[in-house]
Amino acid sequence: MRSDAAPAVVLDELARLDPDRIVIAGGDAAVSHAVVEQVRARLGAHTVIERIGLSTRYRTAEAIVRDAFTDTQPDVAFVATGATYPDALAAGAAAGAIGSPVILLNGAKSALSEGTTGLLADLGITRVYIAGGSAAVSPGIEAGLRSALGDENVVRLAGSTRYSTAAIIADEVYDSTEFAILASGRGFADALAGGPLAAMRGAPLYLAGANCVPGVALDQIWAQNVQGIEILGGSSVLGSRVDELGSC
């Protein structure tokens, strides 16, 4: 979605889905009031449109999680840095598949914030996966999580690259799978859009390079005897060798 206008293809799809409720994620600077009015005009008064947008990305993310999990209390949550996108994208698909939230935090902080501690407690979280290495989510935050939940209930899922981290997350969550999804690891748009699709199908989301699939992802795809793979994005985003599952 553009910040200043709703593309026709988005309005068409919203009209097809005809939802009872739409949540606008972010403040006016992210999604303008003009977009909201375009959506309202297309769908009509029967659709409730609400905005969740606070002063920071972290407060917005917390409010979205609280809204989404009002009536359910998941046991497991993922935490990921909000400073960059790859780890949160990989975690999002996996979290959706098991009905768990992704909690964004400032991973550079030296300690776990009171806000995150309170959110975990309010949700009833007993186990946390940390998406990404110590450069993404600091050892101090990890120590805070271990203090709150116990050492055995905090697991860091991290590889040497964003691609291996995504594969490690998928390996932790999915015992077996019939389908897999590939999206670019160099931009967020396709993987973000594809995350709910992956969660709905119970399919892991792997990040790929511009013209190859990382070996760690291919190893899992072969080991799980995947029968079908969906590739998100055009050939300018993921080239022909990705179609051929060429390794890198």
C-alpha atoms as a PDB file:
ATOM      1  CA  MET A   1       0.000   0.000   0.000  1.00  0.00           C
ATOM      2  CA  ARG A   2       1.273   3.477  -0.855  1.00  0.00           C
ATOM      3  CA  SER A   3       1.163   5.996   1.966  1.00  0.00           C
ATOM      4  CA  ASP A   4      -0.843   8.540  -0.034  1.00  0.00           C
ATOM      5  CA  ALA A   5      -3.143   6.460  -2.257  1.00  0.00           C
ATOM      6  CA  ALA A   6      -4.662   2.993  -2.398  1.00  0.00           C
ATOM      7  CA  PRO A   7      -3.739   1.166  -5.623  1.00  0.00           C
ATOM      8  CA  ALA A   8      -6.699  -0.005  -7.668  1.00  0.00           C
ATOM      9  CA  VAL A   9      -5.629  -3.637  -7.366  1.00  0.00           C
ATOM     10  CA  VAL A  10      -5.751  -3.348  -3.567  1.00  0.00           C
ATOM     11  CA  LEU A  11      -9.185  -1.737  -3.597  1.00  0.00           C
ATOM     12  CA  ASP A  12     -10.440  -4.426  -5.973  1.00  0.00           C
ATOM     13  CA  GLU A  13      -9.188  -7.196  -3.701  1.00  0.00           C
ATOM     14  CA  LEU A  14     -10.673  -5.587  -0.606  1.00  0.00           C
ATOM     15  CA  ALA A  15     -14.001  -5.335  -2.415  1.00  0.00           C
ATOM     16  CA  ARG A  16     -13.791  -9.010  -3.373  1.00  0.00           C
ATOM     17  CA  LEU A  17     -13.029 -10.066   0.205  1.00  0.00           C
ATOM     18  CA  ASP A  18     -15.678  -7.697   1.612  1.00  0.00           C
ATOM     19  CA  PRO A  19     -14.332  -7.846   5.194  1.00  0.00           C
ATOM     20  CA  ASP A  20     -16.334  -6.760   8.221  1.00  0.00           C
ATOM     21  CA  ARG A  21     -13.277  -5.078   9.740  1.00  0.00           C
ATOM     22  CA  ILE A  22     -10.078  -3.558   8.420  1.00  0.00           C
ATOM     23  CA  VAL A  23      -7.140  -2.573  10.603  1.00  0.00           C
ATOM     24  CA  ILE A  24      -4.830   0.180   9.346  1.00  0.00           C
ATOM     25  CA  ALA A  25      -1.354  -0.548  10.712  1.00  0.00           C
ATOM     26  CA  GLY A  26       0.578   2.634  11.447  1.00  0.00           C
ATOM     27  CA  GLY A  27      -0.029   6.351  11.777  1.00  0.00           C
ATOM     28  CA  ASP A  28      -0.905   8.946   9.155  1.00  0.00           C
ATOM     29  CA  ALA A  29       2.690   9.147   7.966  1.00  0.00           C
ATOM     30  CA  ALA A  30       2.591   5.444   7.099  1.00  0.00           C
ATOM     31  CA  VAL A  31      -0.953   5.219   5.704  1.00  0.00           C
ATOM     32  CA  SER A  32      -2.637   8.566   5.142  1.00  0.00           C
ATOM     33  CA  HIS A  33      -6.189   9.579   5.932  1.00  0.00           C
ATOM     34  CA  ALA A  34      -6.759   9.836   2.179  1.00  0.00           C
ATOM     35  CA  VAL A  35      -6.133   6.099   1.845  1.00  0.00           C
ATOM     36  CA  VAL A  36      -8.598   5.371   4.625  1.00  0.00           C
ATOM     37  CA  GLU A  37     -11.244   7.439   2.877  1.00  0.00           C
ATOM     38  CA  GLN A  38     -10.609   5.679  -0.438  1.00  0.00           C
ATOM     39  CA  VAL A  39     -11.083   2.314   1.238  1.00  0.00           C
ATOM     40  CA  ARG A  40     -14.193   3.511   3.078  1.00  0.00           C
ATOM     41  CA  ALA A  41     -15.724   4.835  -0.138  1.00  0.00           C
ATOM     42  CA  ARG A  42     -15.104   1.553  -1.953  1.00  0.00           C
ATOM     43  CA  LEU A  43     -16.387  -0.787   0.766  1.00  0.00           C
ATOM     44  CA  GLY A  44     -19.198   1.190   2.354  1.00  0.00           C
ATOM     45  CA  ALA A  45     -20.339   1.797   5.886  1.00  0.00           C
ATOM     46  CA  HIS A  46     -20.792  -1.884   6.826  1.00  0.00           C
ATOM     47  CA  THR A  47     -17.012  -2.332   7.050  1.00  0.00           C
ATOM     48  CA  VAL A  48     -15.454  -1.095  10.285  1.00  0.00           C
ATOM     49  CA  ILE A  49     -12.097   0.592   9.655  1.00  0.00           C
ATOM     50  CA  GLU A  50      -9.803   1.062  12.630  1.00  0.00           C
ATOM     51  CA  ARG A  51      -6.294   2.463  12.842  1.00  0.00           C
ATOM     52  CA  ILE A  52      -3.621   1.112  15.174  1.00  0.00           C
ATOM     53  CA  GLY A  53      -0.799   3.614  15.037  1.00  0.00           C
ATOM     54  CA  LEU A  54       1.163   4.894  18.023  1.00  0.00           C
ATOM     55  CA  SER A  55       4.253   7.022  18.515  1.00  0.00           C
ATOM     56  CA  THR A  56       6.835   4.339  17.622  1.00  0.00           C
ATOM     57  CA  ARG A  57       6.954   1.154  15.586  1.00  0.00           C
ATOM     58  CA  TYR A  58       7.407  -0.804  18.808  1.00  0.00           C
ATOM     59  CA  ARG A  59       4.348   0.643  20.515  1.00  0.00           C
ATOM     60  CA  THR A  60       2.346   0.126  17.324  1.00  0.00           C
ATOM     61  CA  ALA A  61       3.507  -3.481  17.094  1.00  0.00           C
ATOM     62  CA  GLU A  62       2.576  -4.095  20.732  1.00  0.00           C
ATOM     63  CA  ALA A  63      -0.880  -2.626  20.201  1.00  0.00           C
ATOM     64  CA  ILE A  64      -1.412  -4.808  17.119  1.00  0.00           C
ATOM     65  CA  VAL A  65      -0.422  -7.921  19.063  1.00  0.00           C
ATOM     66  CA  ARG A  66      -2.758  -7.011  21.917  1.00  0.00           C
ATOM     67  CA  ASP A  67      -5.595  -6.433  19.455  1.00  0.00           C
ATOM     68  CA  ALA A  68      -4.994  -9.709  17.624  1.00  0.00           C
ATOM     69  CA  PHE A  69      -4.756 -11.817  20.766  1.00  0.00           C
ATOM     70  CA  THR A  70      -7.609 -10.300  22.758  1.00  0.00           C
ATOM     71  CA  ASP A  71      -9.528 -13.566  23.038  1.00  0.00           C
ATOM     72  CA  THR A  72      -6.670 -16.076  22.961  1.00  0.00           C
ATOM     73  CA  GLN A  73      -3.580 -16.600  25.063  1.00  0.00           C
ATOM     74  CA  PRO A  74      -0.764 -18.244  23.121  1.00  0.00           C
ATOM     75  CA  ASP A  75       1.958 -20.132  24.979  1.00  0.00           C
ATOM     76  CA  VAL A  76       4.710 -19.259  22.517  1.00  0.00           C
ATOM     77  CA  ALA A  77       5.944 -15.967  21.048  1.00  0.00           C
ATOM     78  CA  PHE A  78       8.708 -14.891  18.717  1.00  0.00           C
ATOM     79  CA  VAL A  79      10.719 -11.752  19.383  1.00  0.00           C
ATOM     80  CA  ALA A  80      12.597  -9.977  16.606  1.00  0.00           C
ATOM     81  CA  THR A  81      14.326  -6.687  16.032  1.00  0.00           C
ATOM     82  CA  GLY A  82      12.249  -3.904  14.551  1.00  0.00           C
ATOM     83  CA  ALA A  83      15.328  -2.207  13.105  1.00  0.00           C
ATOM     84  CA  THR A  84      15.540  -4.525  10.084  1.00  0.00           C
ATOM     85  CA  TYR A  85      13.027  -6.780   8.380  1.00  0.00           C
ATOM     86  CA  PRO A  86      14.376 -10.262   7.419  1.00  0.00           C
ATOM     87  CA  ASP A  87      14.199 -12.018  10.792  1.00  0.00           C
ATOM     88  CA  ALA A  88      10.720 -10.691  11.557  1.00  0.00           C
ATOM     89  CA  LEU A  89       9.470 -11.787   8.127  1.00  0.00           C
ATOM     90  CA  ALA A  90      10.739 -15.333   8.575  1.00  0.00           C
ATOM     91  CA  ALA A  91       9.353 -15.428  12.106  1.00  0.00           C
ATOM     92  CA  GLY A  92       5.978 -14.055  10.992  1.00  0.00           C
ATOM     93  CA  ALA A  93       5.141 -16.957   8.717  1.00  0.00           C
ATOM     94  CA  ALA A  94       6.217 -19.519  11.310  1.00  0.00           C
ATOM     95  CA  ALA A  95       4.397 -17.733  14.128  1.00  0.00           C
ATOM     96  CA  GLY A  96       1.213 -17.555  12.092  1.00  0.00           C
ATOM     97  CA  ALA A  97       1.329 -21.279  11.459  1.00  0.00           C
ATOM     98  CA  ILE A  98       1.298 -22.037  15.202  1.00  0.00           C
ATOM     99  CA  GLY A  99      -0.988 -19.191  16.243  1.00  0.00           C
ATOM    100  CA  SER A 100       1.700 -17.153  17.980  1.00  0.00           C
ATOM    101  CA  PRO A 101       2.602 -13.440  17.927  1.00  0.00           C
ATOM    102  CA  VAL A 102       5.773 -11.770  16.740  1.00  0.00           C
ATOM    103  CA  ILE A 103       6.865  -9.085  19.192  1.00  0.00           C
ATOM    104  CA  LEU A 104       9.077  -6.369  17.744  1.00  0.00           C
ATOM    105  CA  LEU A 105      11.640  -4.788  20.029  1.00  0.00           C
ATOM    106  CA  ASN A 106      14.658  -2.537  19.884  1.00  0.00           C
ATOM    107  CA  GLY A 107      17.212  -5.296  19.677  1.00  0.00           C
ATOM    108  CA  ALA A 108      20.146  -2.961  20.282  1.00  0.00           C
ATOM    109  CA  LYS A 109      19.017  -2.219  23.837  1.00  0.00           C
ATOM    110  CA  SER A 110      21.103  -3.764  26.602  1.00  0.00           C
ATOM    111  CA  ALA A 111      18.126  -4.996  28.607  1.00  0.00           C
ATOM    112  CA  LEU A 112      14.583  -6.238  28.152  1.00  0.00           C
ATOM    113  CA  SER A 113      12.101  -3.372  28.356  1.00  0.00           C
ATOM    114  CA  GLU A 114       9.297  -3.222  30.879  1.00  0.00           C
ATOM    115  CA  GLY A 115       6.854  -2.935  28.001  1.00  0.00           C
ATOM    116  CA  THR A 116       7.945  -6.249  26.474  1.00  0.00           C
ATOM    117  CA  THR A 117       8.039  -7.920  29.884  1.00  0.00           C
ATOM    118  CA  GLY A 118       4.496  -6.738  30.562  1.00  0.00           C
ATOM    119  CA  LEU A 119       3.237  -7.854  27.161  1.00  0.00           C
ATOM    120  CA  LEU A 120       4.669 -11.348  27.633  1.00  0.00           C
ATOM    121  CA  ALA A 121       3.051 -11.591  31.043  1.00  0.00           C
ATOM    122  CA  ASP A 122      -0.315 -10.279  29.860  1.00  0.00           C
ATOM    123  CA  LEU A 123      -0.403 -12.751  26.980  1.00  0.00           C
ATOM    124  CA  GLY A 124       0.571 -15.656  29.220  1.00  0.00           C
ATOM    125  CA  ILE A 125       3.673 -16.476  27.181  1.00  0.00           C
ATOM    126  CA  THR A 126       5.741 -19.315  28.635  1.00  0.00           C
ATOM    127  CA  ARG A 127       8.214 -19.910  25.797  1.00  0.00           C
ATOM    128  CA  VAL A 128      10.025 -17.476  23.492  1.00  0.00           C
ATOM    129  CA  TYR A 129      11.971 -17.909  20.286  1.00  0.00           C
ATOM    130  CA  ILE A 130      14.498 -15.173  19.553  1.00  0.00           C
ATOM    131  CA  ALA A 131      14.703 -14.635  15.794  1.00  0.00           C
ATOM    132  CA  GLY A 132      18.228 -13.655  14.811  1.00  0.00           C
ATOM    133  CA  GLY A 133      21.693 -13.461  16.282  1.00  0.00           C
ATOM    134  CA  SER A 134      23.109 -11.278  19.033  1.00  0.00           C
ATOM    135  CA  ALA A 135      23.722  -8.408  16.602  1.00  0.00           C
ATOM    136  CA  ALA A 136      19.958  -8.315  16.000  1.00  0.00           C
ATOM    137  CA  VAL A 137      18.699  -9.023  19.534  1.00  0.00           C
ATOM    138  CA  SER A 138      21.293  -8.308  22.211  1.00  0.00           C
ATOM    139  CA  PRO A 139      22.598 -10.772  24.803  1.00  0.00           C
ATOM    140  CA  GLY A 140      21.188  -8.453  27.479  1.00  0.00           C
ATOM    141  CA  ILE A 141      17.670  -8.876  26.120  1.00  0.00           C
ATOM    142  CA  GLU A 142      18.200 -12.622  25.927  1.00  0.00           C
ATOM    143  CA  ALA A 143      19.324 -12.629  29.573  1.00  0.00           C
ATOM    144  CA  GLY A 144      16.202 -10.715  30.541  1.00  0.00           C
ATOM    145  CA  LEU A 145      13.994 -13.227  28.762  1.00  0.00           C
ATOM    146  CA  ARG A 146      15.774 -16.122  30.453  1.00  0.00           C
ATOM    147  CA  SER A 147      15.338 -14.465  33.829  1.00  0.00           C
ATOM    148  CA  ALA A 148      11.618 -13.975  33.209  1.00  0.00           C
ATOM    149  CA  LEU A 149      10.821 -17.350  31.641  1.00  0.00           C
ATOM    150  CA  GLY A 150      13.627 -19.726  32.599  1.00  0.00           C
ATOM    151  CA  ASP A 151      16.631 -20.841  30.564  1.00  0.00           C
ATOM    152  CA  GLU A 152      14.859 -23.853  29.111  1.00  0.00           C
ATOM    153  CA  ASN A 153      12.041 -21.691  27.732  1.00  0.00           C
ATOM    154  CA  VAL A 154      14.127 -19.275  25.644  1.00  0.00           C
ATOM    155  CA  VAL A 155      15.602 -20.488  22.351  1.00  0.00           C
ATOM    156  CA  ARG A 156      17.620 -18.357  19.957  1.00  0.00           C
ATOM    157  CA  LEU A 157      17.157 -19.274  16.294  1.00  0.00           C
ATOM    158  CA  ALA A 158      20.015 -17.725  14.375  1.00  0.00           C
ATOM    159  CA  GLY A 159      22.275 -18.480  11.461  1.00  0.00           C
ATOM    160  CA  SER A 160      25.217 -16.706   9.921  1.00  0.00           C
ATOM    161  CA  THR A 161      22.988 -14.969   7.344  1.00  0.00           C
ATOM    162  CA  ARG A 162      19.349 -13.913   7.013  1.00  0.00           C
ATOM    163  CA  TYR A 163      18.858 -16.890   4.712  1.00  0.00           C
ATOM    164  CA  SER A 164      20.153 -19.447   7.180  1.00  0.00           C
ATOM    165  CA  THR A 165      18.197 -17.821  10.016  1.00  0.00           C
ATOM    166  CA  ALA A 166      14.976 -18.207   8.017  1.00  0.00           C
ATOM    167  CA  ALA A 167      15.798 -21.862   7.384  1.00  0.00           C
ATOM    168  CA  ILE A 168      16.582 -22.483  11.053  1.00  0.00           C
ATOM    169  CA  ILE A 169      13.269 -20.923  12.087  1.00  0.00           C
ATOM    170  CA  ALA A 170      11.410 -23.118   9.605  1.00  0.00           C
ATOM    171  CA  ASP A 171      13.242 -26.223  10.804  1.00  0.00           C
ATOM    172  CA  GLU A 172      12.232 -25.506  14.401  1.00  0.00           C
ATOM    173  CA  VAL A 173       8.540 -25.038  13.644  1.00  0.00           C
ATOM    174  CA  TYR A 174       7.745 -27.451  10.817  1.00  0.00           C
ATOM    175  CA  ASP A 175       8.205 -31.194  11.292  1.00  0.00           C
ATOM    176  CA  SER A 176       7.130 -31.903   7.721  1.00  0.00           C
ATOM    177  CA  THR A 177       5.444 -29.957   4.995  1.00  0.00           C
ATOM    178  CA  GLU A 178       3.927 -30.581   1.584  1.00  0.00           C
ATOM    179  CA  PHE A 179       4.523 -27.054   0.314  1.00  0.00           C
ATOM    180  CA  ALA A 180       7.171 -24.379   0.690  1.00  0.00           C
ATOM    181  CA  ILE A 181       7.284 -20.715  -0.267  1.00  0.00           C
ATOM    182  CA  LEU A 182      10.267 -18.769  -1.573  1.00  0.00           C
ATOM    183  CA  ALA A 183      10.545 -14.982  -1.398  1.00  0.00           C
ATOM    184  CA  SER A 184      13.325 -12.485  -1.883  1.00  0.00           C
ATOM    185  CA  GLY A 185      15.578 -11.844   1.095  1.00  0.00           C
ATOM    186  CA  ARG A 186      16.687  -8.514  -0.380  1.00  0.00           C
ATOM    187  CA  GLY A 187      13.385  -6.684   0.118  1.00  0.00           C
ATOM    188  CA  PHE A 188      10.417  -7.034   2.408  1.00  0.00           C
ATOM    189  CA  ALA A 189       7.330  -6.570   0.214  1.00  0.00           C
ATOM    190  CA  ASP A 190       6.807 -10.044  -1.247  1.00  0.00           C
ATOM    191  CA  ALA A 191       7.691 -11.917   1.938  1.00  0.00           C
ATOM    192  CA  LEU A 192       5.450  -9.631   3.971  1.00  0.00           C
ATOM    193  CA  ALA A 193       2.506 -10.228   1.653  1.00  0.00           C
ATOM    194  CA  GLY A 194       3.248 -13.941   1.504  1.00  0.00           C
ATOM    195  CA  GLY A 195       3.558 -14.489   5.249  1.00  0.00           C
ATOM    196  CA  PRO A 196      -0.183 -14.979   5.894  1.00  0.00           C
ATOM    197  CA  LEU A 197      -0.378 -17.280   2.853  1.00  0.00           C
ATOM    198  CA  ALA A 198       2.451 -19.384   4.243  1.00  0.00           C
ATOM    199  CA  ALA A 199       0.799 -19.523   7.659  1.00  0.00           C
ATOM    200  CA  MET A 200      -2.575 -20.504   6.187  1.00  0.00           C
ATOM    201  CA  ARG A 201      -1.036 -23.350   4.192  1.00  0.00           C
ATOM    202  CA  GLY A 202       1.279 -24.491   6.967  1.00  0.00           C
ATOM    203  CA  ALA A 203       4.169 -23.908   4.604  1.00  0.00           C
ATOM    204  CA  PRO A 204       7.606 -22.627   5.619  1.00  0.00           C
ATOM    205  CA  LEU A 205       8.786 -19.385   4.067  1.00  0.00           C
ATOM    206  CA  TYR A 206      12.389 -19.436   2.869  1.00  0.00           C
ATOM    207  CA  LEU A 207      14.349 -16.395   1.743  1.00  0.00           C
ATOM    208  CA  ALA A 208      16.173 -16.634  -1.576  1.00  0.00           C
ATOM    209  CA  GLY A 209      18.874 -14.656  -3.312  1.00  0.00           C
ATOM    210  CA  ALA A 210      18.337 -12.775  -6.542  1.00  0.00           C
ATOM    211  CA  ASN A 211      19.225 -15.742  -8.709  1.00  0.00           C
ATOM    212  CA  CYS A 212      19.696 -18.759  -6.464  1.00  0.00           C
ATOM    213  CA  VAL A 213      18.324 -20.615  -3.454  1.00  0.00           C
ATOM    214  CA  PRO A 214      20.607 -20.921  -0.417  1.00  0.00           C
ATOM    215  CA  GLY A 215      21.822 -24.457   0.144  1.00  0.00           C
ATOM    216  CA  VAL A 216      20.489 -24.526   3.711  1.00  0.00           C
ATOM    217  CA  ALA A 217      16.966 -23.933   2.389  1.00  0.00           C
ATOM    218  CA  LEU A 218      17.320 -26.520  -0.348  1.00  0.00           C
ATOM    219  CA  ASP A 219      18.585 -29.098   2.148  1.00  0.00           C
ATOM    220  CA  GLN A 220      15.390 -28.705   4.162  1.00  0.00           C
ATOM    221  CA  ILE A 221      13.170 -28.735   1.079  1.00  0.00           C
ATOM    222  CA  TRP A 222      14.684 -32.047  -0.055  1.00  0.00           C
ATOM    223  CA  ALA A 223      14.688 -33.544   3.444  1.00  0.00           C
ATOM    224  CA  GLN A 224      10.994 -32.795   3.920  1.00  0.00           C
ATOM    225  CA  ASN A 225      10.107 -34.171   0.502  1.00  0.00           C
ATOM    226  CA  VAL A 226       8.270 -30.996  -0.457  1.00  0.00           C
ATOM    227  CA  GLN A 227       5.855 -31.595  -3.330  1.00  0.00           C
ATOM    228  CA  GLY A 228       5.173 -28.013  -4.372  1.00  0.00           C
ATOM    229  CA  ILE A 229       6.955 -24.660  -4.152  1.00  0.00           C
ATOM    230  CA  GLU A 230       5.433 -21.228  -4.662  1.00  0.00           C
ATOM    231  CA  ILE A 231       7.786 -18.442  -5.704  1.00  0.00           C
ATOM    232  CA  LEU A 232       6.681 -14.927  -4.816  1.00  0.00           C
ATOM    233  CA  GLY A 233       7.565 -12.057  -7.119  1.00  0.00           C
ATOM    234  CA  GLY A 234       8.480 -11.539 -10.741  1.00  0.00           C
ATOM    235  CA  SER A 235      11.627 -12.549 -12.604  1.00  0.00           C
ATOM    236  CA  SER A 236      13.220  -9.172 -11.904  1.00  0.00           C
ATOM    237  CA  VAL A 237      13.102 -10.011  -8.195  1.00  0.00           C
ATOM    238  CA  LEU A 238      13.891 -13.730  -8.318  1.00  0.00           C
ATOM    239  CA  GLY A 239      15.611 -14.862 -11.474  1.00  0.00           C
ATOM    240  CA  SER A 240      15.363 -17.995 -13.587  1.00  0.00           C
ATOM    241  CA  ARG A 241      17.816 -20.009 -11.491  1.00  0.00           C
ATOM    242  CA  VAL A 242      15.444 -19.657  -8.546  1.00  0.00           C
ATOM    243  CA  ASP A 243      12.731 -21.243 -10.722  1.00  0.00           C
ATOM    244  CA  GLU A 244      15.164 -24.082 -11.343  1.00  0.00           C
ATOM    245  CA  LEU A 245      16.115 -24.273  -7.626  1.00  0.00           C
ATOM    246  CA  GLY A 246      19.708 -23.492  -8.449  1.00  0.00           C
ATOM    247  CA  SER A 247      21.858 -23.556  -5.324  1.00  0.00           C
ATOM    248  CA  CYS A 248      24.101 -20.891  -3.840  1.00  0.00           C
END
